[in-house]
C-alpha cells in the first residue's frame, strides 16, 4: 500500500522515490506526535468529568478516535525499519 502511494506521488510530482518516502515518514511522525497530545488531552478531560460526577457515555469515546489513529500510525512507524531493510535487500538481490 505504501509503495503504491509513493509511486503515485513520485509520478505525479516528479520527486525521487527516497525524497517522497522521507516526506511521508516525516508527516506520519508529526501526525503521531499530535495525536498523542490529542489522546492525552482527551484522557485528562475524561478524568476531570469523572471527578464532577458520572460523565456522559460519549465522553468515554472521546479519546478513542485519537487512540485508534495512534495505533495505525504507531504500527506504520514500527514496521518502517523492517520494511526499509527488506526493500534494500530486494534492491541488492536484483542488481
PDB file of N, CA and C in Angstrom:
ATOM      1  N   UNK A   1       0.821  -1.179   0.000  1.00  0.00           N
ATOM      2  CA  UNK A   1       0.000   0.000   0.000  1.00  0.00           C
ATOM      3  C   UNK A   1       0.870   1.250   0.000  1.00  0.00           C
ATOM      4  N   UNK A   2       1.869   1.308   0.869  1.00  0.00           N
ATOM      5  CA  UNK A   2       2.732   2.477   0.951  1.00  0.00           C
ATOM      6  C   UNK A   2       3.496   2.671  -0.348  1.00  0.00           C
ATOM      7  N   UNK A   3       3.964   1.567  -0.925  1.00  0.00           N
ATOM      8  CA  UNK A   3       4.725   1.688  -2.160  1.00  0.00           C
ATOM      9  C   UNK A   3       3.860   2.212  -3.298  1.00  0.00           C
ATOM     10  N   UNK A   4       2.582   1.814  -3.335  1.00  0.00           N
ATOM     11  CA  UNK A   4       1.684   2.343  -4.356  1.00  0.00           C
ATOM     12  C   UNK A   4       1.496   3.841  -4.187  1.00  0.00           C
ATOM     13  N   UNK A   5       1.291   4.277  -2.938  1.00  0.00           N
ATOM     14  CA  UNK A   5       1.123   5.704  -2.671  1.00  0.00           C
ATOM     15  C   UNK A   5       2.383   6.458  -3.074  1.00  0.00           C
ATOM     16  N   UNK A   6       3.530   5.937  -2.703  1.00  0.00           N
ATOM     17  CA  UNK A   6       4.783   6.607  -3.040  1.00  0.00           C
ATOM     18  C   UNK A   6       4.999   6.638  -4.546  1.00  0.00           C
ATOM     19  N   UNK A   7       4.634   5.560  -5.231  1.00  0.00           N
ATOM     20  CA  UNK A   7       4.786   5.532  -6.682  1.00  0.00           C
ATOM     21  C   UNK A   7       3.905   6.568  -7.361  1.00  0.00           C
ATOM     22  N   UNK A   8       2.679   6.721  -6.875  1.00  0.00           N
ATOM     23  CA  UNK A   8       1.767   7.727  -7.436  1.00  0.00           C
ATOM     24  C   UNK A   8       2.313   9.119  -7.176  1.00  0.00           C
ATOM     25  N   UNK A   9       2.792   9.353  -5.951  1.00  0.00           N
ATOM     26  CA  UNK A   9       3.352  10.665  -5.625  1.00  0.00           C
ATOM     27  C   UNK A   9       4.590  10.946  -6.455  1.00  0.00           C
ATOM     28  N   UNK A  10       5.399   9.917  -6.663  1.00  0.00           N
ATOM     29  CA  UNK A  10       6.613  10.099  -7.454  1.00  0.00           C
ATOM     30  C   UNK A  10       6.259  10.454  -8.891  1.00  0.00           C
ATOM     31  N   UNK A  11       5.295   9.746  -9.457  1.00  0.00           N
ATOM     32  CA  UNK A  11       4.899  10.008 -10.835  1.00  0.00           C
ATOM     33  C   UNK A  11       4.223  11.369 -10.956  1.00  0.00           C
ATOM     34  N   UNK A  12       3.427  11.737  -9.964  1.00  0.00           N
ATOM     35  CA  UNK A  12       2.671  12.981 -10.031  1.00  0.00           C
ATOM     36  C   UNK A  12       3.557  14.206  -9.827  1.00  0.00           C
ATOM     37  N   UNK A  13       4.399  14.167  -8.836  1.00  0.00           N
ATOM     38  CA  UNK A  13       5.210  15.336  -8.505  1.00  0.00           C
ATOM     39  C   UNK A  13       6.597  15.304  -9.126  1.00  0.00           C
ATOM     40  N   UNK A  14       6.999  14.188  -9.678  1.00  0.00           N
ATOM     41  CA  UNK A  14       8.306  14.072 -10.278  1.00  0.00           C
ATOM     42  C   UNK A  14       9.438  14.074  -9.266  1.00  0.00           C
ATOM     43  N   UNK A  15       9.140  13.691  -8.041  1.00  0.00           N
ATOM     44  CA  UNK A  15      10.160  13.670  -6.995  1.00  0.00           C
ATOM     45  C   UNK A  15      10.851  12.318  -6.975  1.00  0.00           C
ATOM     46  N   UNK A  16      12.097  12.283  -6.558  1.00  0.00           N
ATOM     47  CA  UNK A  16      12.769  10.995  -6.382  1.00  0.00           C
ATOM     48  C   UNK A  16      12.064  10.180  -5.303  1.00  0.00           C
ATOM     49  N   UNK A  17      12.119   8.854  -5.450  1.00  0.00           N
ATOM     50  CA  UNK A  17      11.414   7.945  -4.544  1.00  0.00           C
ATOM     51  C   UNK A  17      11.827   8.159  -3.097  1.00  0.00           C
ATOM     52  N   UNK A  18      13.117   8.329  -2.832  1.00  0.00           N
ATOM     53  CA  UNK A  18      13.603   8.489  -1.470  1.00  0.00           C
ATOM     54  C   UNK A  18      13.082   9.776  -0.845  1.00  0.00           C
ATOM     55  N   UNK A  19      13.015  10.843  -1.640  1.00  0.00           N
ATOM     56  CA  UNK A  19      12.542  12.123  -1.112  1.00  0.00           C
ATOM     57  C   UNK A  19      11.070  12.038  -0.729  1.00  0.00           C
ATOM     58  N   UNK A  20      10.266  11.385  -1.558  1.00  0.00           N
ATOM     59  CA  UNK A  20       8.848  11.218  -1.256  1.00  0.00           C
ATOM     60  C   UNK A  20       8.686  10.366   0.001  1.00  0.00           C
ATOM     61  N   UNK A  21       9.475   9.291   0.118  1.00  0.00           N
ATOM     62  CA  UNK A  21       9.394   8.422   1.288  1.00  0.00           C
ATOM     63  C   UNK A  21       9.766   9.185   2.552  1.00  0.00           C
ATOM     64  N   UNK A  22      10.801  10.006   2.491  1.00  0.00           N
ATOM     65  CA  UNK A  22      11.203  10.772   3.666  1.00  0.00           C
ATOM     66  C   UNK A  22      10.141  11.782   4.061  1.00  0.00           C
ATOM     67  N   UNK A  23       9.520  12.436   3.077  1.00  0.00           N
ATOM     68  CA  UNK A  23       8.458  13.385   3.385  1.00  0.00           C
ATOM     69  C   UNK A  23       7.274  12.678   4.029  1.00  0.00           C
ATOM     70  N   UNK A  24       6.906  11.509   3.517  1.00  0.00           N
ATOM     71  CA  UNK A  24       5.800  10.753   4.095  1.00  0.00           C
ATOM     72  C   UNK A  24       6.123  10.328   5.517  1.00  0.00           C
ATOM     73  N   UNK A  25       7.322   9.837   5.738  1.00  0.00           N
ATOM     74  CA  UNK A  25       7.725   9.426   7.083  1.00  0.00           C
ATOM     75  C   UNK A  25       7.707  10.604   8.046  1.00  0.00           C
ATOM     76  N   UNK A  26       8.164  11.753   7.574  1.00  0.00           N
ATOM     77  CA  UNK A  26       8.173  12.950   8.415  1.00  0.00           C
ATOM     78  C   UNK A  26       6.752  13.342   8.816  1.00  0.00           C
ATOM     79  N   UNK A  27       5.835  13.286   7.865  1.00  0.00           N
ATOM     80  CA  UNK A  27       4.444  13.635   8.149  1.00  0.00           C
ATOM     81  C   UNK A  27       3.792  12.635   9.084  1.00  0.00           C
ATOM     82  N   UNK A  28       4.060  11.361   8.900  1.00  0.00           N
ATOM     83  CA  UNK A  28       3.475  10.352   9.780  1.00  0.00           C
ATOM     84  C   UNK A  28       3.988  10.537  11.202  1.00  0.00           C
ATOM     85  N   UNK A  29       5.267  10.798  11.355  1.00  0.00           N
ATOM     86  CA  UNK A  29       5.822  11.035  12.695  1.00  0.00           C
ATOM     87  C   UNK A  29       5.200  12.267  13.336  1.00  0.00           C
ATOM     88  N   UNK A  30       5.031  13.331  12.573  1.00  0.00           N
ATOM     89  CA  UNK A  30       4.446  14.557  13.112  1.00  0.00           C
ATOM     90  C   UNK A  30       2.983  14.342  13.499  1.00  0.00           C
ATOM     91  N   UNK A  31       2.242  13.647  12.658  1.00  0.00           N
ATOM     92  CA  UNK A  31       0.843  13.346  12.975  1.00  0.00           C
ATOM     93  C   UNK A  31       0.763  12.476  14.225  1.00  0.00           C
ATOM     94  N   UNK A  32       1.679  11.520  14.345  1.00  0.00           N
ATOM     95  CA  UNK A  32       1.698  10.647  15.518  1.00  0.00           C
ATOM     96  C   UNK A  32       1.931  11.466  16.794  1.00  0.00           C
ATOM     97  N   UNK A  33       2.809  12.439  16.720  1.00  0.00           N
ATOM     98  CA  UNK A  33       3.059  13.289  17.894  1.00  0.00           C
ATOM     99  C   UNK A  33       1.825  14.087  18.279  1.00  0.00           C
ATOM    100  N   UNK A  34       1.160  14.694  17.299  1.00  0.00           N
ATOM    101  CA  UNK A  34      -0.026  15.489  17.592  1.00  0.00           C
ATOM    102  C   UNK A  34      -1.180  14.624  18.079  1.00  0.00           C
ATOM    103  N   UNK A  35      -1.284  13.411  17.554  1.00  0.00           N
ATOM    104  CA  UNK A  35      -2.327  12.504  18.029  1.00  0.00           C
ATOM    105  C   UNK A  35      -2.093  12.117  19.487  1.00  0.00           C
ATOM    106  N   UNK A  36      -0.826  11.966  19.871  1.00  0.00           N
ATOM    107  CA  UNK A  36      -0.546  11.637  21.271  1.00  0.00           C
ATOM    108  C   UNK A  36      -0.969  12.784  22.187  1.00  0.00           C
ATOM    109  N   UNK A  37      -0.794  14.009  21.733  1.00  0.00           N
ATOM    110  CA  UNK A  37      -1.246  15.158  22.518  1.00  0.00           C
ATOM    111  C   UNK A  37      -2.763  15.179  22.611  1.00  0.00           C
ATOM    112  N   UNK A  38      -3.457  14.907  21.496  1.00  0.00           N
ATOM    113  CA  UNK A  38      -4.916  14.880  21.496  1.00  0.00           C
ATOM    114  C   UNK A  38      -5.445  13.766  22.399  1.00  0.00           C
ATOM    115  N   UNK A  39      -4.801  12.601  22.357  1.00  0.00           N
ATOM    116  CA  UNK A  39      -5.217  11.492  23.210  1.00  0.00           C
ATOM    117  C   UNK A  39      -5.033  11.843  24.678  1.00  0.00           C
ATOM    118  N   UNK A  40      -3.903  12.435  25.021  1.00  0.00           N
ATOM    119  CA  UNK A  40      -3.640  12.829  26.401  1.00  0.00           C
ATOM    120  C   UNK A  40      -4.665  13.855  26.872  1.00  0.00           C
ATOM    121  N   UNK A  41      -4.983  14.829  26.017  1.00  0.00           N
ATOM    122  CA  UNK A  41      -5.989  15.832  26.373  1.00  0.00           C
ATOM    123  C   UNK A  41      -7.359  15.182  26.568  1.00  0.00           C
ATOM    124  N   UNK A  42      -7.691  14.202  25.735  1.00  0.00           N
ATOM    125  CA  UNK A  42      -8.969  13.506  25.884  1.00  0.00           C
ATOM    126  C   UNK A  42      -9.052  12.726  27.177  1.00  0.00           C
ATOM    127  N   UNK A  43      -7.976  12.071  27.557  1.00  0.00           N
ATOM    128  CA  UNK A  43      -7.952  11.323  28.816  1.00  0.00           C
ATOM    129  C   UNK A  43      -8.058  12.275  30.000  1.00  0.00           C
ATOM    130  N   UNK A  44      -7.350  13.388  29.949  1.00  0.00           N
ATOM    131  CA  UNK A  44      -7.423  14.375  31.040  1.00  0.00           C
ATOM    132  C   UNK A  44      -8.834  14.942  31.149  1.00  0.00           C
ATOM    133  N   UNK A  45      -9.457  15.240  30.007  1.00  0.00           N
ATOM    134  CA  UNK A  45     -10.830  15.749  30.028  1.00  0.00           C
ATOM    135  C   UNK A  45     -11.785  14.716  30.621  1.00  0.00           C
ATOM    136  N   UNK A  46     -11.576  13.469  30.300  1.00  0.00           N
ATOM    137  CA  UNK A  46     -12.435  12.415  30.850  1.00  0.00           C
ATOM    138  C   UNK A  46     -12.249  12.289  32.355  1.00  0.00           C
ATOM    139  N   UNK A  47     -11.022  12.376  32.830  1.00  0.00           N
ATOM    140  CA  UNK A  47     -10.758  12.298  34.269  1.00  0.00           C
ATOM    141  C   UNK A  47     -11.409  13.476  34.992  1.00  0.00           C
ATOM    142  N   UNK A  48     -11.321  14.663  34.402  1.00  0.00           N
ATOM    143  CA  UNK A  48     -11.933  15.849  35.015  1.00  0.00           C
ATOM    144  C   UNK A  48     -13.443  15.674  35.097  1.00  0.00           C
ATOM    145  N   UNK A  49     -14.077  15.185  34.046  1.00  0.00           N
ATOM    146  CA  UNK A  49     -15.527  14.993  34.077  1.00  0.00           C
ATOM    147  C   UNK A  49     -15.928  13.861  35.025  1.00  0.00           C
ATOM    148  N   UNK A  50     -15.069  12.864  35.199  1.00  0.00           N
ATOM    149  CA  UNK A  50     -15.362  11.793  36.154  1.00  0.00           C
ATOM    150  C   UNK A  50     -15.364  12.322  37.588  1.00  0.00           C
ATOM    151  N   UNK A  51     -14.505  13.254  37.860  1.00  0.00           N
ATOM    152  CA  UNK A  51     -14.437  13.809  39.214  1.00  0.00           C
ATOM    153  C   UNK A  51     -15.658  14.647  39.531  1.00  0.00           C
ATOM    154  N   UNK A  52     -16.331  15.162  38.516  1.00  0.00           N
ATOM    155  CA  UNK A  52     -17.503  16.004  38.731  1.00  0.00           C
ATOM    156  C   UNK A  52     -18.794  15.191  38.805  1.00  0.00           C
ATOM    157  N   UNK A  53     -18.723  13.930  38.589  1.00  0.00           N
ATOM    158  CA  UNK A  53     -19.905  13.073  38.617  1.00  0.00           C
ATOM    159  C   UNK A  53     -19.827  12.070  37.485  1.00  0.00           C
ATOM    160  N   UNK A  54     -20.937  11.420  37.217  1.00  0.00           N
ATOM    161  CA  UNK A  54     -20.984  10.416  36.152  1.00  0.00           C
ATOM    162  C   UNK A  54     -20.937  11.112  34.789  1.00  0.00           C
ATOM    163  N   UNK A  55     -19.874  10.851  33.996  1.00  0.00           N
ATOM    164  CA  UNK A  55     -19.788  11.501  32.676  1.00  0.00           C
ATOM    165  C   UNK A  55     -20.754  10.845  31.679  1.00  0.00           C
ATOM    166  N   UNK A  56     -21.016  11.553  30.609  1.00  0.00           N
ATOM    167  CA  UNK A  56     -21.862  11.019  29.542  1.00  0.00           C
ATOM    168  C   UNK A  56     -21.148   9.847  28.879  1.00  0.00           C
ATOM    169  N   UNK A  57     -21.923   8.967  28.283  1.00  0.00           N
ATOM    170  CA  UNK A  57     -21.334   7.781  27.646  1.00  0.00           C
ATOM    171  C   UNK A  57     -20.397   8.146  26.506  1.00  0.00           C
ATOM    172  N   UNK A  58     -20.729   9.181  25.762  1.00  0.00           N
ATOM    173  CA  UNK A  58     -19.902   9.552  24.614  1.00  0.00           C
ATOM    174  C   UNK A  58     -18.561  10.133  25.053  1.00  0.00           C
ATOM    175  N   UNK A  59     -18.495  10.583  26.296  1.00  0.00           N
ATOM    176  CA  UNK A  59     -17.240  11.171  26.779  1.00  0.00           C
ATOM    177  C   UNK A  59     -16.134  10.115  26.854  1.00  0.00           C
ATOM    178  N   UNK A  60     -16.508   8.881  27.156  1.00  0.00           N
ATOM    179  CA  UNK A  60     -15.521   7.805  27.188  1.00  0.00           C
ATOM    180  C   UNK A  60     -14.976   7.494  25.805  1.00  0.00           C
ATOM    181  N   UNK A  61     -15.765   7.755  24.778  1.00  0.00           N
ATOM    182  CA  UNK A  61     -15.338   7.509  23.406  1.00  0.00           C
ATOM    183  C   UNK A  61     -14.531   8.670  22.834  1.00  0.00           C
ATOM    184  N   UNK A  62     -14.497   9.778  23.588  1.00  0.00           N
ATOM    185  CA  UNK A  62     -13.809  10.986  23.130  1.00  0.00           C
ATOM    186  C   UNK A  62     -12.336  10.736  22.845  1.00  0.00           C
ATOM    187  N   UNK A  63     -11.701   9.925  23.678  1.00  0.00           N
ATOM    188  CA  UNK A  63     -10.272   9.644  23.500  1.00  0.00           C
ATOM    189  C   UNK A  63     -10.032   8.437  22.601  1.00  0.00           C
ATOM    190  N   UNK A  64     -11.086   7.758  22.191  1.00  0.00           N
ATOM    191  CA  UNK A  64     -10.914   6.540  21.413  1.00  0.00           C
ATOM    192  C   UNK A  64     -10.444   6.803  19.981  1.00  0.00           C
ATOM    193  N   UNK A  65     -10.957   7.852  19.344  1.00  0.00           N
ATOM    194  CA  UNK A  65     -10.555   8.149  17.960  1.00  0.00           C
ATOM    195  C   UNK A  65      -9.054   8.430  17.855  1.00  0.00           C
ATOM    196  N   UNK A  66      -8.492   9.321  18.688  1.00  0.00           N
ATOM    197  CA  UNK A  66      -7.033   9.501  18.601  1.00  0.00           C
ATOM    198  C   UNK A  66      -6.260   8.225  18.929  1.00  0.00           C
ATOM    199  N   UNK A  67      -6.817   7.398  19.830  1.00  0.00           N
ATOM    200  CA  UNK A  67      -6.140   6.160  20.183  1.00  0.00           C
ATOM    201  C   UNK A  67      -6.075   5.197  19.004  1.00  0.00           C
ATOM    202  N   UNK A  68      -7.153   5.095  18.246  1.00  0.00           N
ATOM    203  CA  UNK A  68      -7.162   4.226  17.063  1.00  0.00           C
ATOM    204  C   UNK A  68      -6.176   4.745  16.017  1.00  0.00           C
ATOM    205  N   UNK A  69      -6.175   6.054  15.807  1.00  0.00           N
ATOM    206  CA  UNK A  69      -5.238   6.632  14.842  1.00  0.00           C
ATOM    207  C   UNK A  69      -3.793   6.493  15.331  1.00  0.00           C
ATOM    208  N   UNK A  70      -3.586   6.586  16.641  1.00  0.00           N
ATOM    209  CA  UNK A  70      -2.252   6.357  17.199  1.00  0.00           C
ATOM    210  C   UNK A  70      -1.794   4.928  16.943  1.00  0.00           C
ATOM    211  N   UNK A  71      -2.722   3.990  17.056  1.00  0.00           N
ATOM    212  CA  UNK A  71      -2.382   2.595  16.779  1.00  0.00           C
ATOM    213  C   UNK A  71      -1.918   2.427  15.339  1.00  0.00           C
ATOM    214  N   UNK A  72      -2.656   3.015  14.409  1.00  0.00           N
ATOM    215  CA  UNK A  72      -2.307   2.866  12.990  1.00  0.00           C
ATOM    216  C   UNK A  72      -0.968   3.520  12.655  1.00  0.00           C
ATOM    217  N   UNK A  73      -0.773   4.748  13.116  1.00  0.00           N
ATOM    218  CA  UNK A  73       0.500   5.418  12.822  1.00  0.00           C
ATOM    219  C   UNK A  73       1.651   4.755  13.566  1.00  0.00           C
ATOM    220  N   UNK A  74       1.390   4.268  14.773  1.00  0.00           N
ATOM    221  CA  UNK A  74       2.421   3.575  15.530  1.00  0.00           C
ATOM    222  C   UNK A  74       2.844   2.277  14.866  1.00  0.00           C
ATOM    223  N   UNK A  75       1.874   1.537  14.344  1.00  0.00           N
ATOM    224  CA  UNK A  75       2.210   0.306  13.623  1.00  0.00           C
ATOM    225  C   UNK A  75       3.032   0.612  12.378  1.00  0.00           C
ATOM    226  N   UNK A  76       2.665   1.686  11.663  1.00  0.00           N
ATOM    227  CA  UNK A  76       3.427   2.082  10.481  1.00  0.00           C
ATOM    228  C   UNK A  76       4.871   2.401  10.870  1.00  0.00           C
ATOM    229  N   UNK A  77       5.032   3.178  11.945  1.00  0.00           N
ATOM    230  CA  UNK A  77       6.379   3.550  12.376  1.00  0.00           C
ATOM    231  C   UNK A  77       7.158   2.352  12.904  1.00  0.00           C
ATOM    232  N   UNK A  78       6.459   1.377  13.487  1.00  0.00           N
ATOM    233  CA  UNK A  78       7.118   0.180  13.980  1.00  0.00           C
ATOM    234  C   UNK A  78       7.629  -0.678  12.835  1.00  0.00           C
ATOM    235  N   UNK A  79       6.845  -0.808  11.783  1.00  0.00           N
ATOM    236  CA  UNK A  79       7.193  -1.678  10.654  1.00  0.00           C
ATOM    237  C   UNK A  79       8.191  -1.004   9.715  1.00  0.00           C
ATOM    238  N   UNK A  80       8.286   0.304   9.769  1.00  0.00           N
ATOM    239  CA  UNK A  80       9.103   1.057   8.819  1.00  0.00           C
ATOM    240  C   UNK A  80      10.560   0.586   8.741  1.00  0.00           C
ATOM    241  N   UNK A  81      11.276   0.380   9.844  1.00  0.00           N
ATOM    242  CA  UNK A  81      12.669  -0.084   9.710  1.00  0.00           C
ATOM    243  C   UNK A  81      12.776  -1.460   9.060  1.00  0.00           C
ATOM    244  N   UNK A  82      11.835  -2.350   9.380  1.00  0.00           N
ATOM    245  CA  UNK A  82      11.860  -3.691   8.800  1.00  0.00           C
ATOM    246  C   UNK A  82      11.555  -3.640   7.302  1.00  0.00           C
ATOM    247  N   UNK A  83      10.611  -2.794   6.919  1.00  0.00           N
ATOM    248  CA  UNK A  83      10.273  -2.656   5.503  1.00  0.00           C
ATOM    249  C   UNK A  83      11.435  -2.043   4.732  1.00  0.00           C
ATOM    250  N   UNK A  84      12.142  -1.104   5.354  1.00  0.00           N
ATOM    251  CA  UNK A  84      13.295  -0.489   4.704  1.00  0.00           C
ATOM    252  C   UNK A  84      14.402  -1.504   4.478  1.00  0.00           C
ATOM    253  N   UNK A  85      14.671  -2.330   5.504  1.00  0.00           N
ATOM    254  CA  UNK A  85      15.693  -3.374   5.352  1.00  0.00           C
ATOM    255  C   UNK A  85      15.285  -4.373   4.275  1.00  0.00           C
ATOM    256  N   UNK A  86      14.015  -4.754   4.273  1.00  0.00           N
ATOM    257  CA  UNK A  86      13.525  -5.720   3.291  1.00  0.00           C
ATOM    258  C   UNK A  86      13.629  -5.138   1.880  1.00  0.00           C
ATOM    259  N   UNK A  87      13.243  -3.873   1.735  1.00  0.00           N
ATOM    260  CA  UNK A  87      13.287  -3.224   0.418  1.00  0.00           C
ATOM    261  C   UNK A  87      14.728  -3.078  -0.056  1.00  0.00           C
ATOM    262  N   UNK A  88      15.642  -2.706   0.832  1.00  0.00           N
ATOM    263  CA  UNK A  88      17.039  -2.558   0.410  1.00  0.00           C
ATOM    264  C   UNK A  88      17.645  -3.917   0.082  1.00  0.00           C
ATOM    265  N   UNK A  89      17.229  -4.959   0.772  1.00  0.00           N
ATOM    266  CA  UNK A  89      17.698  -6.309   0.460  1.00  0.00           C
ATOM    267  C   UNK A  89      17.228  -6.770  -0.907  1.00  0.00           C
ATOM    268  N   UNK A  90      16.013  -6.401  -1.273  1.00  0.00           N
ATOM    269  CA  UNK A  90      15.489  -6.754  -2.592  1.00  0.00           C
ATOM    270  C   UNK A  90      16.237  -6.007  -3.679  1.00  0.00           C
ATOM    271  N   UNK A  91      16.600  -4.744  -3.418  1.00  0.00           N
ATOM    272  CA  UNK A  91      17.335  -3.964  -4.410  1.00  0.00           C
ATOM    273  C   UNK A  91      18.714  -4.569  -4.657  1.00  0.00           C
ATOM    274  N   UNK A  92      19.385  -4.980  -3.565  1.00  0.00           N
ATOM    275  CA  UNK A  92      20.722  -5.557  -3.711  1.00  0.00           C
ATOM    276  C   UNK A  92      20.655  -6.895  -4.424  1.00  0.00           C
ATOM    277  N   UNK A  93      19.632  -7.703  -4.139  1.00  0.00           N
ATOM    278  CA  UNK A  93      19.495  -9.013  -4.790  1.00  0.00           C
ATOM    279  C   UNK A  93      19.148  -8.864  -6.271  1.00  0.00           C
ATOM    280  N   UNK A  94      18.429  -7.800  -6.611  1.00  0.00           N
ATOM    281  CA  UNK A  94      18.039  -7.582  -8.001  1.00  0.00           C
ATOM    282  C   UNK A  94      19.158  -7.022  -8.873  1.00  0.00           C
ATOM    283  N   UNK A  95      20.182  -6.453  -8.244  1.00  0.00           N
ATOM    284  CA  UNK A  95      21.276  -5.842  -9.000  1.00  0.00           C
ATOM    285  C   UNK A  95      22.225  -6.872  -9.572  1.00  0.00           C
TER     286      UNK A  95
END
